[in-house]
Amino acid sequence: MLKKLLNINLLIPFLYSISVYANNQNDFEMYIEPKPTKQPISKKSFADDNEIIYIIENKNGNGNLSAKVAKINGEITTGGIDEETSKLSDYKIQIPRIQNAFPTIVLDATTTQDTKCNEVLFSIKQGYAFISQLPNSIDAATYCSFNVKMGDVLIKKVSFLMNYSYKKWCSLNTGLEATKTARKIDSDCNTSNVKLIRLLNLDGENLDSKIKDISPITSLKSIQGLFLGDNLINNIPVNAFLQLKQLEWLDLYSNNLENLDNSIFSTNKILRGISLADNKLNKLPTNIFSNLQELQELILDRNELENLGEDIFKNNSKLKELYISGNKLYFLPKNTFKNLRDLEKLYLSQNKFTLLDADIFSNNINLKELSLEGNQISELPKEIFSTLINLNYLSLLSNKIESLDNELFIYNSNIKKLSLDMNKIKLLPKTIFSNLTNLERLSMYDNKLEHLDPEVFQNNTKLKKLTLNENKLQILPQNVFKSLVNLEELDLRSNFISNLEEIFRNDERLRNITQVR
């Protein structure tokens, strides 16, 4: 899984220096300096309609609070980490000017919002809206959405994630979960060190206590690898990753996530790997991955997904590995994987499929590994694997397949490992394996096979391991294994073979293999 990406060698091509420091003996973090790049200078002086704002206490000590954005001329800064004045701008948004009309900004009543959003007030001046009142305190990053209206007419929507800076979260003494997280990032609350972080490993397996709140992470704009697996996170606030535009690897496996916002990855355009395995997700918004055109690995194993939108992977043409095992999927639209021409590994095990469309894999010509095990598939269209000319591993283990079409594997000559275990197959067509000339392992234990055609393995000369135990075989043809010149292991246990000794007595080569009867 994505844990392998902690191997820093995977990032080396994109980096030029690495430094490591420890907060204490058992707390190491890696910081990676990226290659400097020149960015065009923006002249933008107002905020976007969708932002992260930081609640900053005024320096004059009067207790007044200001809404700031960690941007200068539209470019993201580290102001959300250390509150440095020169790296923060006042939050203001453009308001359309309409003659003799007076705009108002009201809370969006169509969505459920935190009560803290009710405490936000705006003032409007010279075509801009400013926040004139903020909550005195927040317990976690809080998303708020507002409507800009002229009378009853909706002009536009504005929204923001209302947050504290990393510095503020880390300095609080309230016992909030966000503060605990901030101190796990750096136990000394050293903002200079935090600004250098490129790879942040907060995997719960390595922590003395698991984290629940990721509010302090939203400002760490230079992070490239973020590992938050094995924790107790049940919510990713909208906009939480808005400023993490350098993020390449994200691991959120084994948390308590039940849903994700459609825009969660809207600005993370260079993300290459995501793990959301072992959560409680029951659905995914159709456009959730639409901006991730560099995505190469996606892990969705062991959630509660019941369906996938036909276009959910439409823009992920660079995806190489896709894992969706252990869900509750019972149907896949015909074009689900249509645009995934570079896909090499696809795991759909332990779902509830009974039938698959004949063209479901028609465009996945580079697929090398395919697992459909642990479903309820009763039959397979003969064309279903016809385009998978590069396939070398196929598992159909533990389904309800009763028969196989004679042409099912006719175009899969590169398969090396084939598992048909734990089905209900009674008969193997004579030429079912004829084109599998590179087959090395064939497993068919726990089926209902009663006999084998003498030529069924004739072309499988590279076969090394053959497993046929727990079937209903009674008599074996004399030369059924004759062509298996590379066979090393043969399992025929728990059958009813009456002529087994004769078969072995008449074939000296069989007596020399590692045989399990």
Foldseek 3Di string as FASTA:
>chain_A
DCVVVVPCVVVVVFFDDKDKDALDDQRIAIFTDGDDDDDDQAQDQADDLEAAWAWDADPVPPLDTFTKGQDDNRHHHLCLAVVPVVRIHGHKDFADDDPPWDKAKAFDPVDDFDVQLVQWHWDDDDRIIGTPTGDSDDLAFGKTKIFIDGVPHTDDIGIYTYAHGLLVLCPDDPPRLSNVVSCSQPVVSPSVVLQRHAATAQAVVSDPAAGAGDRNVQSNQNHAHYARDPHAHADDDVSSVVRNQNHAEEEHAQYAHAADDLCNCVRNQNHAYYEHHNYAHQAYPQNNCVSNLNHAYYHHYQYAHAAHDLCSCVNPQNHAEYHHENYAYAAYPQNNCVSNCNHAYYEHAQYAHQAYDLNSCVNNQNHAEYEHYNYAHAAYDLNNCVSPLNHAYYEHAAYAHAEYDLNNCVRHLNHAEYEPANYAHADDPQNSCVSVLNHAYYAYAQYAHAEYDLRNCVRNQNHAEYHHDHYAYAEYDLNSCVSNQNYAEYAHYHYNHPCVVVSCVVDVSVVPHHYHD
